[in-house]
Amino acid sequence: MGEQQQILTRFLMAPSQQYDASHKRRIDHHFTDDVLFKPAAVLIPLVPREHGFNVVLTRRAEHLKHHPGQIAFPGGRFEPQDSDLITTALRETFEETGIICQRNNVIGQLPPLATISGYMVTPFISTISNNYAAKPDPGEVDAIFEVPLNYLLDPKNIHAHQFRLRGEPHRVYAIPYHNYSIWGATAQMIKLLSNQIWEDKK
């Protein structure tokens, strides 16, 4: 079995994981119990390359209201015309990056993640063509790039940073890659995926 198929098999068969508990505490501090989070979805696009899968990421445009300049998976909020959140993820990915992903290439999802900006984001994992033609929407993103999946999932590359908020310990994650720093909700999703399917290569 090739490495790419092994990764997909581990994802499909591995037990579901939970996000870092301190993230939920930060959300609980920020919102009241009756808050209604706005539904949203992102796509984690896996590109088959010679050495294994790469992951497509974007850098959000600097003029955006929410999370300007941050590294993110393509995606956005649910719109009334969307039949479901998979439709949201595929539509937003195409609008932001020009990348076409077929619904039958979606292999699964991670648990929804609440964000400080008031969204409940569901990540979907999908394979895409290695011949995709990226056409970034300058109103949404200012860069599209790939990172090897094995690099992102390797726990050695996921740096935990500790701090205290209202007297409680908290943890956030950051993943450096060349001139990029992946943090926030995107790093939380990658950390969960690493917990779920990473196997030590030693």
C-alpha atoms as a PDB file:
ATOM      1  CA  MET A   1       0.000   0.000   0.000  1.00  0.00           C
ATOM      2  CA  GLY A   2       1.431   3.395  -0.970  1.00  0.00           C
ATOM      3  CA  GLU A   3       2.050   6.091   1.622  1.00  0.00           C
ATOM      4  CA  GLN A   4      -0.795   8.231   0.297  1.00  0.00           C
ATOM      5  CA  GLN A   5      -3.272   5.372   0.640  1.00  0.00           C
ATOM      6  CA  GLN A   6      -1.932   4.578   4.110  1.00  0.00           C
ATOM      7  CA  ILE A   7      -2.627   8.135   5.247  1.00  0.00           C
ATOM      8  CA  LEU A   8      -6.170   8.040   3.881  1.00  0.00           C
ATOM      9  CA  THR A   9      -6.790   4.656   5.487  1.00  0.00           C
ATOM     10  CA  ARG A  10      -5.487   5.843   8.880  1.00  0.00           C
ATOM     11  CA  PHE A  11      -7.730   8.891   8.718  1.00  0.00           C
ATOM     12  CA  LEU A  12     -10.815   6.833   7.907  1.00  0.00           C
ATOM     13  CA  MET A  13     -10.114   4.187  10.548  1.00  0.00           C
ATOM     14  CA  ALA A  14      -8.621   6.206  13.407  1.00  0.00           C
ATOM     15  CA  PRO A  15     -10.788   7.126  16.413  1.00  0.00           C
ATOM     16  CA  SER A  16     -12.153  10.662  16.394  1.00  0.00           C
ATOM     17  CA  GLN A  17     -10.139  13.197  18.402  1.00  0.00           C
ATOM     18  CA  GLN A  18     -11.070  16.353  20.311  1.00  0.00           C
ATOM     19  CA  TYR A  19      -9.580  19.822  20.078  1.00  0.00           C
ATOM     20  CA  ASP A  20      -7.349  21.177  22.812  1.00  0.00           C
ATOM     21  CA  ALA A  21      -9.420  21.811  25.944  1.00  0.00           C
ATOM     22  CA  SER A  22      -7.873  25.231  26.504  1.00  0.00           C
ATOM     23  CA  HIS A  23      -9.283  26.403  23.155  1.00  0.00           C
ATOM     24  CA  LYS A  24     -12.801  25.630  24.381  1.00  0.00           C
ATOM     25  CA  ARG A  25     -12.096  27.523  27.625  1.00  0.00           C
ATOM     26  CA  ARG A  26     -11.015  30.596  25.629  1.00  0.00           C
ATOM     27  CA  ILE A  27     -14.198  30.419  23.575  1.00  0.00           C
ATOM     28  CA  ASP A  28     -16.285  30.020  26.737  1.00  0.00           C
ATOM     29  CA  HIS A  29     -14.611  33.110  28.233  1.00  0.00           C
ATOM     30  CA  HIS A  30     -15.320  35.119  25.088  1.00  0.00           C
ATOM     31  CA  PHE A  31     -18.998  34.238  24.529  1.00  0.00           C
ATOM     32  CA  THR A  32     -22.099  33.761  26.628  1.00  0.00           C
ATOM     33  CA  ASP A  33     -23.763  30.351  26.785  1.00  0.00           C
ATOM     34  CA  ASP A  34     -26.608  31.409  24.488  1.00  0.00           C
ATOM     35  CA  VAL A  35     -24.418  32.560  21.595  1.00  0.00           C
ATOM     36  CA  LEU A  36     -25.356  31.260  18.147  1.00  0.00           C
ATOM     37  CA  PHE A  37     -22.227  30.618  16.134  1.00  0.00           C
ATOM     38  CA  LYS A  38     -22.479  31.241  12.397  1.00  0.00           C
ATOM     39  CA  PRO A  39     -21.895  28.028  10.375  1.00  0.00           C
ATOM     40  CA  ALA A  40     -18.848  27.913   8.115  1.00  0.00           C
ATOM     41  CA  ALA A  41     -16.673  25.321   6.414  1.00  0.00           C
ATOM     42  CA  VAL A  42     -13.134  24.971   5.119  1.00  0.00           C
ATOM     43  CA  LEU A  43     -11.478  22.481   2.800  1.00  0.00           C
ATOM     44  CA  ILE A  44      -8.222  20.711   3.571  1.00  0.00           C
ATOM     45  CA  PRO A  45      -7.096  19.983  -0.009  1.00  0.00           C
ATOM     46  CA  LEU A  46      -4.642  17.104  -0.424  1.00  0.00           C
ATOM     47  CA  VAL A  47      -2.574  17.196  -3.605  1.00  0.00           C
ATOM     48  CA  PRO A  48      -0.890  13.926  -4.656  1.00  0.00           C
ATOM     49  CA  ARG A  49       2.784  14.626  -5.356  1.00  0.00           C
ATOM     50  CA  GLU A  50       5.716  12.323  -6.037  1.00  0.00           C
ATOM     51  CA  HIS A  51       6.820  12.282  -2.379  1.00  0.00           C
ATOM     52  CA  GLY A  52       3.299  12.043  -0.911  1.00  0.00           C
ATOM     53  CA  PHE A  53       0.465  14.450  -0.277  1.00  0.00           C
ATOM     54  CA  ASN A  54       0.868  18.227  -0.122  1.00  0.00           C
ATOM     55  CA  VAL A  55      -1.715  20.476   1.534  1.00  0.00           C
ATOM     56  CA  VAL A  56      -2.940  23.675  -0.117  1.00  0.00           C
ATOM     57  CA  LEU A  57      -3.042  26.704   2.166  1.00  0.00           C
ATOM     58  CA  THR A  58      -3.833  30.364   1.596  1.00  0.00           C
ATOM     59  CA  ARG A  59      -2.710  33.631   3.134  1.00  0.00           C
ATOM     60  CA  ARG A  60      -5.690  35.839   3.825  1.00  0.00           C
ATOM     61  CA  ALA A  61      -5.658  39.324   2.298  1.00  0.00           C
ATOM     62  CA  GLU A  62      -4.498  42.113   4.609  1.00  0.00           C
ATOM     63  CA  HIS A  63      -7.646  44.212   4.180  1.00  0.00           C
ATOM     64  CA  LEU A  64     -10.047  41.538   5.483  1.00  0.00           C
ATOM     65  CA  LYS A  65     -12.001  42.227   8.674  1.00  0.00           C
ATOM     66  CA  HIS A  66     -11.392  38.795  10.209  1.00  0.00           C
ATOM     67  CA  HIS A  67      -7.882  37.337  10.564  1.00  0.00           C
ATOM     68  CA  PRO A  68      -6.067  39.476   7.944  1.00  0.00           C
ATOM     69  CA  GLY A  69      -2.745  38.048   6.815  1.00  0.00           C
ATOM     70  CA  GLN A  70      -3.263  34.737   8.581  1.00  0.00           C
ATOM     71  CA  ILE A  71      -2.576  31.372   6.986  1.00  0.00           C
ATOM     72  CA  ALA A  72      -5.796  29.449   6.451  1.00  0.00           C
ATOM     73  CA  PHE A  73      -7.461  26.633   4.617  1.00  0.00           C
ATOM     74  CA  PRO A  74      -9.735  27.887   1.839  1.00  0.00           C
ATOM     75  CA  GLY A  75     -13.319  28.247   2.967  1.00  0.00           C
ATOM     76  CA  GLY A  76     -15.896  30.593   4.412  1.00  0.00           C
ATOM     77  CA  ARG A  77     -19.353  31.040   5.826  1.00  0.00           C
ATOM     78  CA  PHE A  78     -22.456  29.078   4.914  1.00  0.00           C
ATOM     79  CA  GLU A  79     -24.749  30.900   2.493  1.00  0.00           C
ATOM     80  CA  PRO A  80     -28.509  30.324   2.108  1.00  0.00           C
ATOM     81  CA  GLN A  81     -28.049  28.839  -1.377  1.00  0.00           C
ATOM     82  CA  ASP A  82     -25.680  26.157  -0.054  1.00  0.00           C
ATOM     83  CA  SER A  83     -27.362  22.767   0.295  1.00  0.00           C
ATOM     84  CA  ASP A  84     -24.956  21.766   3.089  1.00  0.00           C
ATOM     85  CA  LEU A  85     -21.545  22.592   4.536  1.00  0.00           C
ATOM     86  CA  ILE A  86     -19.698  20.456   1.988  1.00  0.00           C
ATOM     87  CA  THR A  87     -21.201  22.693  -0.674  1.00  0.00           C
ATOM     88  CA  THR A  88     -19.974  25.699   1.310  1.00  0.00           C
ATOM     89  CA  ALA A  89     -16.426  24.359   1.467  1.00  0.00           C
ATOM     90  CA  LEU A  90     -16.293  23.520  -2.245  1.00  0.00           C
ATOM     91  CA  ARG A  91     -17.881  26.814  -3.322  1.00  0.00           C
ATOM     92  CA  GLU A  92     -15.658  28.972  -1.143  1.00  0.00           C
ATOM     93  CA  THR A  93     -12.543  27.077  -2.211  1.00  0.00           C
ATOM     94  CA  PHE A  94     -13.328  27.737  -5.864  1.00  0.00           C
ATOM     95  CA  GLU A  95     -14.197  31.393  -5.235  1.00  0.00           C
ATOM     96  CA  GLU A  96     -11.016  32.060  -3.232  1.00  0.00           C
ATOM     97  CA  THR A  97      -8.491  29.973  -5.151  1.00  0.00           C
ATOM     98  CA  GLY A  98     -10.014  28.885  -8.457  1.00  0.00           C
ATOM     99  CA  ILE A  99      -9.404  25.270  -7.419  1.00  0.00           C
ATOM    100  CA  ILE A 100     -12.120  22.870  -8.521  1.00  0.00           C
ATOM    101  CA  CYS A 101     -12.875  20.027  -6.122  1.00  0.00           C
ATOM    102  CA  GLN A 102     -15.522  17.405  -6.788  1.00  0.00           C
ATOM    103  CA  ARG A 103     -17.884  16.333  -4.044  1.00  0.00           C
ATOM    104  CA  ASN A 104     -16.971  12.671  -4.521  1.00  0.00           C
ATOM    105  CA  ASN A 105     -13.336  13.523  -3.674  1.00  0.00           C
ATOM    106  CA  VAL A 106     -14.282  14.551  -0.128  1.00  0.00           C
ATOM    107  CA  ILE A 107     -13.127  11.709   2.114  1.00  0.00           C
ATOM    108  CA  GLY A 108     -14.238  12.912   5.527  1.00  0.00           C
ATOM    109  CA  GLN A 109     -14.362  15.718   8.040  1.00  0.00           C
ATOM    110  CA  LEU A 110     -12.980  16.853  11.363  1.00  0.00           C
ATOM    111  CA  PRO A 111     -15.152  18.003  14.276  1.00  0.00           C
ATOM    112  CA  PRO A 112     -16.496  21.571  14.047  1.00  0.00           C
ATOM    113  CA  LEU A 113     -14.300  24.209  15.695  1.00  0.00           C
ATOM    114  CA  ALA A 114     -15.665  27.393  17.272  1.00  0.00           C
ATOM    115  CA  THR A 115     -13.642  30.524  16.576  1.00  0.00           C
ATOM    116  CA  ILE A 116     -13.192  33.853  18.337  1.00  0.00           C
ATOM    117  CA  SER A 117     -14.755  35.565  15.305  1.00  0.00           C
ATOM    118  CA  GLY A 118     -18.061  33.808  16.074  1.00  0.00           C
ATOM    119  CA  TYR A 119     -18.054  31.011  13.504  1.00  0.00           C
ATOM    120  CA  MET A 120     -18.477  27.262  13.942  1.00  0.00           C
ATOM    121  CA  VAL A 121     -16.129  25.930  11.273  1.00  0.00           C
ATOM    122  CA  THR A 122     -16.342  22.378   9.928  1.00  0.00           C
ATOM    123  CA  PRO A 123     -13.191  21.196   8.117  1.00  0.00           C
ATOM    124  CA  PHE A 124     -13.586  18.749   5.219  1.00  0.00           C
ATOM    125  CA  ILE A 125     -10.688  16.738   3.837  1.00  0.00           C
ATOM    126  CA  SER A 126     -10.511  16.138   0.104  1.00  0.00           C
ATOM    127  CA  THR A 127      -8.106  15.076  -2.589  1.00  0.00           C
ATOM    128  CA  ILE A 128      -7.704  17.390  -5.573  1.00  0.00           C
ATOM    129  CA  SER A 129      -6.001  17.117  -8.954  1.00  0.00           C
ATOM    130  CA  ASN A 130      -2.250  17.649  -9.018  1.00  0.00           C
ATOM    131  CA  ASN A 131      -2.829  19.665 -12.182  1.00  0.00           C
ATOM    132  CA  TYR A 132      -5.052  22.244 -10.516  1.00  0.00           C
ATOM    133  CA  ALA A 133      -4.760  25.821 -11.749  1.00  0.00           C
ATOM    134  CA  ALA A 134      -4.839  28.304  -8.886  1.00  0.00           C
ATOM    135  CA  LYS A 135      -6.463  31.675  -9.543  1.00  0.00           C
ATOM    136  CA  PRO A 136      -6.462  33.578  -6.253  1.00  0.00           C
ATOM    137  CA  ASP A 137      -9.180  36.127  -5.658  1.00  0.00           C
ATOM    138  CA  PRO A 138      -7.268  39.257  -4.536  1.00  0.00           C
ATOM    139  CA  GLY A 139     -10.288  40.305  -2.524  1.00  0.00           C
ATOM    140  CA  GLU A 140      -9.888  37.199  -0.366  1.00  0.00           C
ATOM    141  CA  VAL A 141      -6.325  35.861  -0.497  1.00  0.00           C
ATOM    142  CA  ASP A 142      -2.925  37.182  -1.486  1.00  0.00           C
ATOM    143  CA  ALA A 143      -1.021  33.877  -1.657  1.00  0.00           C
ATOM    144  CA  ILE A 144      -1.660  30.182  -2.346  1.00  0.00           C
ATOM    145  CA  PHE A 145       1.030  27.655  -1.483  1.00  0.00           C
ATOM    146  CA  GLU A 146       1.600  23.985  -0.683  1.00  0.00           C
ATOM    147  CA  VAL A 147       3.128  22.319   2.365  1.00  0.00           C
ATOM    148  CA  PRO A 148       4.007  18.597   2.569  1.00  0.00           C
ATOM    149  CA  LEU A 149       1.390  16.843   4.676  1.00  0.00           C
ATOM    150  CA  ASN A 150       4.021  14.860   6.549  1.00  0.00           C
ATOM    151  CA  TYR A 151       5.689  18.112   7.603  1.00  0.00           C
ATOM    152  CA  LEU A 152       2.419  19.514   8.959  1.00  0.00           C
ATOM    153  CA  LEU A 153       1.518  16.325  10.820  1.00  0.00           C
ATOM    154  CA  ASP A 154       4.945  15.730  12.371  1.00  0.00           C
ATOM    155  CA  PRO A 155       4.585  16.642  16.067  1.00  0.00           C
ATOM    156  CA  LYS A 156       8.157  18.000  16.049  1.00  0.00           C
ATOM    157  CA  ASN A 157       6.970  20.837  13.798  1.00  0.00           C
ATOM    158  CA  ILE A 158       3.914  21.756  15.895  1.00  0.00           C
ATOM    159  CA  HIS A 159       5.123  24.166  18.568  1.00  0.00           C
ATOM    160  CA  ALA A 160       3.013  24.613  21.693  1.00  0.00           C
ATOM    161  CA  HIS A 161       3.036  28.017  23.424  1.00  0.00           C
ATOM    162  CA  GLN A 162       1.775  28.351  26.982  1.00  0.00           C
ATOM    163  CA  PHE A 163       0.208  31.428  28.543  1.00  0.00           C
ATOM    164  CA  ARG A 164      -2.240  32.332  31.289  1.00  0.00           C
ATOM    165  CA  LEU A 165      -5.620  33.989  30.792  1.00  0.00           C
ATOM    166  CA  ARG A 166      -7.760  34.995  33.761  1.00  0.00           C
ATOM    167  CA  GLY A 167      -5.543  32.862  35.950  1.00  0.00           C
ATOM    168  CA  GLU A 168      -5.988  29.707  33.852  1.00  0.00           C
ATOM    169  CA  PRO A 169      -3.291  28.008  31.762  1.00  0.00           C
ATOM    170  CA  HIS A 170      -3.829  28.001  28.010  1.00  0.00           C
ATOM    171  CA  ARG A 171      -2.037  26.501  25.046  1.00  0.00           C
ATOM    172  CA  VAL A 172      -1.861  27.627  21.425  1.00  0.00           C
ATOM    173  CA  TYR A 173      -0.028  26.055  18.513  1.00  0.00           C
ATOM    174  CA  ALA A 174       2.152  27.428  15.742  1.00  0.00           C
ATOM    175  CA  ILE A 175       3.754  25.670  12.786  1.00  0.00           C
ATOM    176  CA  PRO A 176       6.594  27.533  11.034  1.00  0.00           C
ATOM    177  CA  TYR A 177       7.151  26.826   7.352  1.00  0.00           C
ATOM    178  CA  HIS A 178       9.656  28.896   5.367  1.00  0.00           C
ATOM    179  CA  ASN A 179       8.407  32.492   5.608  1.00  0.00           C
ATOM    180  CA  TYR A 180       4.974  31.464   6.888  1.00  0.00           C
ATOM    181  CA  SER A 181       3.671  30.917  10.393  1.00  0.00           C
ATOM    182  CA  ILE A 182       0.566  28.760  10.679  1.00  0.00           C
ATOM    183  CA  TRP A 183      -1.384  29.409  13.873  1.00  0.00           C
ATOM    184  CA  GLY A 184      -4.875  30.057  15.221  1.00  0.00           C
ATOM    185  CA  ALA A 185      -7.771  27.837  14.153  1.00  0.00           C
ATOM    186  CA  THR A 186      -5.769  26.387  11.242  1.00  0.00           C
ATOM    187  CA  ALA A 187      -3.046  25.134  13.586  1.00  0.00           C
ATOM    188  CA  GLN A 188      -5.712  23.699  15.914  1.00  0.00           C
ATOM    189  CA  MET A 189      -7.148  21.689  13.022  1.00  0.00           C
ATOM    190  CA  ILE A 190      -3.710  20.461  11.958  1.00  0.00           C
ATOM    191  CA  LYS A 191      -2.851  19.478  15.533  1.00  0.00           C
ATOM    192  CA  LEU A 192      -6.042  17.432  15.809  1.00  0.00           C
ATOM    193  CA  LEU A 193      -5.342  15.752  12.470  1.00  0.00           C
ATOM    194  CA  SER A 194      -1.807  14.972  13.630  1.00  0.00           C
ATOM    195  CA  ASN A 195      -3.141  13.418  16.834  1.00  0.00           C
ATOM    196  CA  GLN A 196      -5.501  11.296  14.775  1.00  0.00           C
ATOM    197  CA  ILE A 197      -3.287   9.891  12.033  1.00  0.00           C
ATOM    198  CA  TRP A 198       0.415  10.588  12.647  1.00  0.00           C
ATOM    199  CA  GLU A 199       2.618   7.514  12.883  1.00  0.00           C
ATOM    200  CA  ASP A 200       6.227   7.862  13.956  1.00  0.00           C
ATOM    201  CA  LYS A 201       8.469   7.144  10.970  1.00  0.00           C
ATOM    202  CA  LYS A 202      11.407   5.949  13.114  1.00  0.00           C
END
